N, C-alpha and C. Protein backbone atom coordinates (compact mmCIF):
# COMPACT_ATOMS: atom_id res chain seq x y z
N UNK A 1 -4.44 -13.04 5.93
CA UNK A 1 -5.22 -12.60 7.07
C UNK A 1 -6.14 -11.46 6.62
N UNK A 2 -7.33 -11.46 7.06
CA UNK A 2 -8.32 -10.45 6.71
C UNK A 2 -8.29 -9.30 7.71
N UNK A 3 -8.67 -8.13 7.24
CA UNK A 3 -8.78 -6.97 8.13
C UNK A 3 -10.16 -6.88 8.77
N UNK A 4 -11.06 -7.78 8.45
CA UNK A 4 -12.41 -7.72 9.00
C UNK A 4 -12.36 -7.77 10.52
N UNK A 5 -13.04 -6.83 11.14
CA UNK A 5 -13.08 -6.79 12.59
C UNK A 5 -11.87 -6.15 13.23
N UNK A 6 -10.93 -5.65 12.43
CA UNK A 6 -9.72 -5.07 12.98
C UNK A 6 -9.59 -3.60 12.63
N UNK A 7 -10.66 -2.96 12.23
CA UNK A 7 -10.61 -1.58 11.77
C UNK A 7 -10.51 -0.57 12.91
N UNK A 8 -10.84 -0.94 14.12
CA UNK A 8 -10.86 0.00 15.23
C UNK A 8 -9.47 0.55 15.50
N UNK A 9 -9.36 1.87 15.48
CA UNK A 9 -8.10 2.51 15.81
C UNK A 9 -7.10 2.57 14.68
N UNK A 10 -7.40 2.01 13.53
CA UNK A 10 -6.46 2.05 12.42
C UNK A 10 -6.73 3.25 11.53
N UNK A 11 -5.71 3.71 10.82
CA UNK A 11 -5.93 4.81 9.88
C UNK A 11 -6.81 4.37 8.73
N UNK A 12 -7.10 5.30 7.88
CA UNK A 12 -7.95 5.00 6.73
C UNK A 12 -7.47 3.76 5.99
N UNK A 13 -8.40 3.02 5.43
CA UNK A 13 -8.00 1.86 4.63
C UNK A 13 -7.24 2.33 3.39
N UNK A 14 -6.44 1.46 2.80
CA UNK A 14 -5.71 1.85 1.59
C UNK A 14 -6.67 2.33 0.51
N UNK A 15 -6.19 3.24 -0.29
CA UNK A 15 -6.98 3.69 -1.43
C UNK A 15 -7.05 2.55 -2.44
N UNK A 16 -8.13 2.49 -3.22
CA UNK A 16 -8.18 1.48 -4.29
C UNK A 16 -7.02 1.70 -5.26
N UNK A 17 -6.49 0.62 -5.78
CA UNK A 17 -5.40 0.74 -6.74
C UNK A 17 -5.91 1.36 -8.03
N UNK A 18 -5.22 2.40 -8.47
CA UNK A 18 -5.57 3.06 -9.72
C UNK A 18 -4.99 2.26 -10.88
N UNK A 19 -5.83 1.90 -11.82
CA UNK A 19 -5.40 1.15 -12.99
C UNK A 19 -5.31 2.11 -14.18
N UNK A 20 -4.17 2.11 -14.87
CA UNK A 20 -3.93 3.04 -15.97
C UNK A 20 -3.57 2.26 -17.22
N UNK A 21 -4.34 2.48 -18.28
CA UNK A 21 -4.04 1.84 -19.56
C UNK A 21 -2.76 2.46 -20.13
N UNK A 22 -1.97 1.65 -20.81
CA UNK A 22 -0.74 2.12 -21.43
C UNK A 22 -0.80 1.86 -22.93
N UNK A 23 -1.34 2.83 -23.69
CA UNK A 23 -1.48 2.63 -25.13
C UNK A 23 -0.14 2.36 -25.83
N UNK A 24 0.91 3.05 -25.42
CA UNK A 24 2.20 2.85 -26.09
C UNK A 24 2.75 1.45 -25.84
N UNK A 25 2.76 1.01 -24.59
CA UNK A 25 3.22 -0.35 -24.31
C UNK A 25 2.31 -1.38 -24.99
N UNK A 26 1.02 -1.13 -24.97
CA UNK A 26 0.08 -2.04 -25.63
C UNK A 26 0.41 -2.15 -27.11
N UNK A 27 0.69 -1.02 -27.74
CA UNK A 27 1.03 -1.02 -29.17
C UNK A 27 2.36 -1.75 -29.41
N UNK A 28 3.38 -1.40 -28.61
CA UNK A 28 4.71 -1.99 -28.79
C UNK A 28 4.72 -3.50 -28.54
N UNK A 29 3.92 -3.97 -27.61
CA UNK A 29 3.92 -5.39 -27.25
C UNK A 29 2.85 -6.19 -27.97
N UNK A 30 1.91 -5.49 -28.59
CA UNK A 30 0.85 -6.18 -29.31
C UNK A 30 -0.19 -6.82 -28.40
N UNK A 31 -0.35 -6.29 -27.21
CA UNK A 31 -1.37 -6.79 -26.29
C UNK A 31 -1.78 -5.65 -25.36
N UNK A 32 -2.91 -5.82 -24.68
CA UNK A 32 -3.38 -4.78 -23.77
C UNK A 32 -2.53 -4.76 -22.50
N UNK A 33 -1.98 -3.60 -22.19
CA UNK A 33 -1.19 -3.44 -20.97
C UNK A 33 -1.90 -2.44 -20.07
N UNK A 34 -2.14 -2.86 -18.85
CA UNK A 34 -2.75 -1.99 -17.84
C UNK A 34 -1.81 -1.97 -16.64
N UNK A 35 -1.45 -0.78 -16.20
CA UNK A 35 -0.51 -0.62 -15.10
C UNK A 35 -1.25 -0.37 -13.79
N UNK A 36 -0.79 -1.01 -12.73
CA UNK A 36 -1.33 -0.77 -11.39
C UNK A 36 -0.48 0.32 -10.75
N UNK A 37 -1.06 1.48 -10.52
CA UNK A 37 -0.33 2.64 -9.99
C UNK A 37 -0.59 2.78 -8.49
N UNK A 38 0.31 2.28 -7.68
CA UNK A 38 0.18 2.38 -6.23
C UNK A 38 0.76 3.69 -5.69
N UNK A 39 1.25 4.54 -6.57
CA UNK A 39 1.84 5.81 -6.13
C UNK A 39 0.80 6.78 -5.58
N UNK A 40 -0.48 6.45 -5.73
CA UNK A 40 -1.53 7.31 -5.21
C UNK A 40 -1.94 6.94 -3.78
N UNK A 41 -1.23 5.96 -3.19
CA UNK A 41 -1.48 5.65 -1.78
C UNK A 41 -1.03 6.82 -0.91
N UNK A 42 -1.40 6.82 0.35
CA UNK A 42 -1.12 7.94 1.25
C UNK A 42 0.37 8.25 1.35
N UNK A 43 1.21 7.25 1.30
CA UNK A 43 2.65 7.49 1.43
C UNK A 43 3.39 7.31 0.11
N UNK A 44 2.67 7.17 -0.97
CA UNK A 44 3.29 7.14 -2.29
C UNK A 44 3.78 5.79 -2.77
N UNK A 45 3.46 4.72 -2.05
CA UNK A 45 3.87 3.39 -2.51
C UNK A 45 2.92 2.32 -1.95
N UNK A 46 3.08 1.11 -2.45
CA UNK A 46 2.24 0.00 -2.00
C UNK A 46 2.58 -0.43 -0.58
N UNK A 47 3.68 0.06 -0.03
CA UNK A 47 4.13 -0.37 1.29
C UNK A 47 3.13 -0.03 2.40
N UNK A 48 2.26 0.95 2.15
CA UNK A 48 1.25 1.30 3.16
C UNK A 48 0.35 0.10 3.46
N UNK A 49 0.04 -0.69 2.45
CA UNK A 49 -0.81 -1.87 2.67
C UNK A 49 -0.17 -2.81 3.68
N UNK A 50 1.12 -3.08 3.52
CA UNK A 50 1.82 -3.99 4.43
C UNK A 50 1.98 -3.37 5.81
N UNK A 51 2.31 -2.10 5.87
CA UNK A 51 2.50 -1.44 7.17
C UNK A 51 1.21 -1.45 7.97
N UNK A 52 0.12 -1.21 7.32
CA UNK A 52 -1.18 -1.23 8.01
C UNK A 52 -1.48 -2.63 8.54
N UNK A 53 -1.10 -3.64 7.78
CA UNK A 53 -1.29 -5.02 8.21
C UNK A 53 -0.44 -5.31 9.46
N UNK A 54 0.80 -4.83 9.46
CA UNK A 54 1.67 -5.02 10.62
C UNK A 54 1.05 -4.39 11.86
N UNK A 55 0.60 -3.15 11.73
CA UNK A 55 0.00 -2.45 12.87
C UNK A 55 -1.23 -3.20 13.39
N UNK A 56 -2.00 -3.77 12.48
CA UNK A 56 -3.20 -4.51 12.89
C UNK A 56 -2.86 -5.85 13.53
N UNK A 57 -1.68 -6.38 13.22
CA UNK A 57 -1.33 -7.74 13.64
C UNK A 57 -0.56 -7.83 14.95
N UNK A 58 0.13 -6.78 15.35
CA UNK A 58 0.97 -6.87 16.54
C UNK A 58 0.19 -6.50 17.80
N UNK A 59 0.62 -7.04 18.91
CA UNK A 59 -0.02 -6.77 20.19
C UNK A 59 0.63 -5.60 20.92
N UNK A 60 1.87 -5.31 20.61
CA UNK A 60 2.61 -4.27 21.31
C UNK A 60 2.06 -2.88 21.00
N UNK A 61 2.28 -1.99 21.94
CA UNK A 61 1.84 -0.60 21.75
C UNK A 61 2.84 0.19 20.91
N UNK A 62 4.07 -0.32 20.81
CA UNK A 62 5.11 0.40 20.08
C UNK A 62 5.73 -0.51 19.03
N UNK A 63 6.05 0.07 17.90
CA UNK A 63 6.69 -0.68 16.81
C UNK A 63 7.97 0.06 16.46
N UNK A 64 9.05 -0.68 16.28
CA UNK A 64 10.33 -0.10 15.90
C UNK A 64 10.73 -0.68 14.55
N UNK A 65 11.20 0.19 13.66
CA UNK A 65 11.69 -0.26 12.37
C UNK A 65 13.01 0.42 12.08
N UNK A 66 13.86 -0.25 11.32
CA UNK A 66 15.15 0.33 10.92
C UNK A 66 15.05 0.94 9.53
N UNK A 67 13.90 0.88 8.92
CA UNK A 67 13.72 1.40 7.57
C UNK A 67 13.60 2.91 7.56
N UNK A 68 14.31 3.53 6.63
CA UNK A 68 14.13 4.97 6.42
C UNK A 68 13.52 5.23 5.05
N UNK A 69 13.09 4.15 4.41
CA UNK A 69 12.52 4.26 3.07
C UNK A 69 11.00 4.23 3.09
N UNK A 70 10.43 3.69 2.02
CA UNK A 70 8.98 3.68 1.86
C UNK A 70 8.26 2.94 2.99
N UNK A 71 8.82 1.81 3.43
CA UNK A 71 8.15 1.05 4.48
C UNK A 71 8.19 1.80 5.81
N UNK A 72 9.31 2.43 6.12
CA UNK A 72 9.41 3.21 7.35
C UNK A 72 8.41 4.35 7.36
N UNK A 73 8.29 5.03 6.24
CA UNK A 73 7.32 6.13 6.12
C UNK A 73 5.90 5.60 6.27
N UNK A 74 5.61 4.49 5.62
CA UNK A 74 4.27 3.91 5.69
C UNK A 74 3.95 3.42 7.10
N UNK A 75 4.93 2.84 7.77
CA UNK A 75 4.71 2.37 9.13
C UNK A 75 4.46 3.54 10.08
N UNK A 76 5.18 4.63 9.89
CA UNK A 76 4.95 5.81 10.71
C UNK A 76 3.55 6.37 10.47
N UNK A 77 3.09 6.34 9.25
CA UNK A 77 1.75 6.84 8.93
C UNK A 77 0.67 5.94 9.52
N UNK A 78 0.91 4.62 9.45
CA UNK A 78 -0.08 3.66 9.95
C UNK A 78 -0.11 3.68 11.46
């Protein structure tokens, strides 16, 4: 599902994923290794992307989650 047309009332879009080269892993494995670092998202994990999607997708005014981890934090932020 696309976010096009659903930006009204939502928090900032996710930050672009930071890509980090890993010279040591590249050397050890004999190939280029690039790591996707989602820890730079607003809540410190990739879960913000999913939480924002949930908020955009539901019709209810209130959302309840049993998560106290990364997804719960991301959902509260979204």
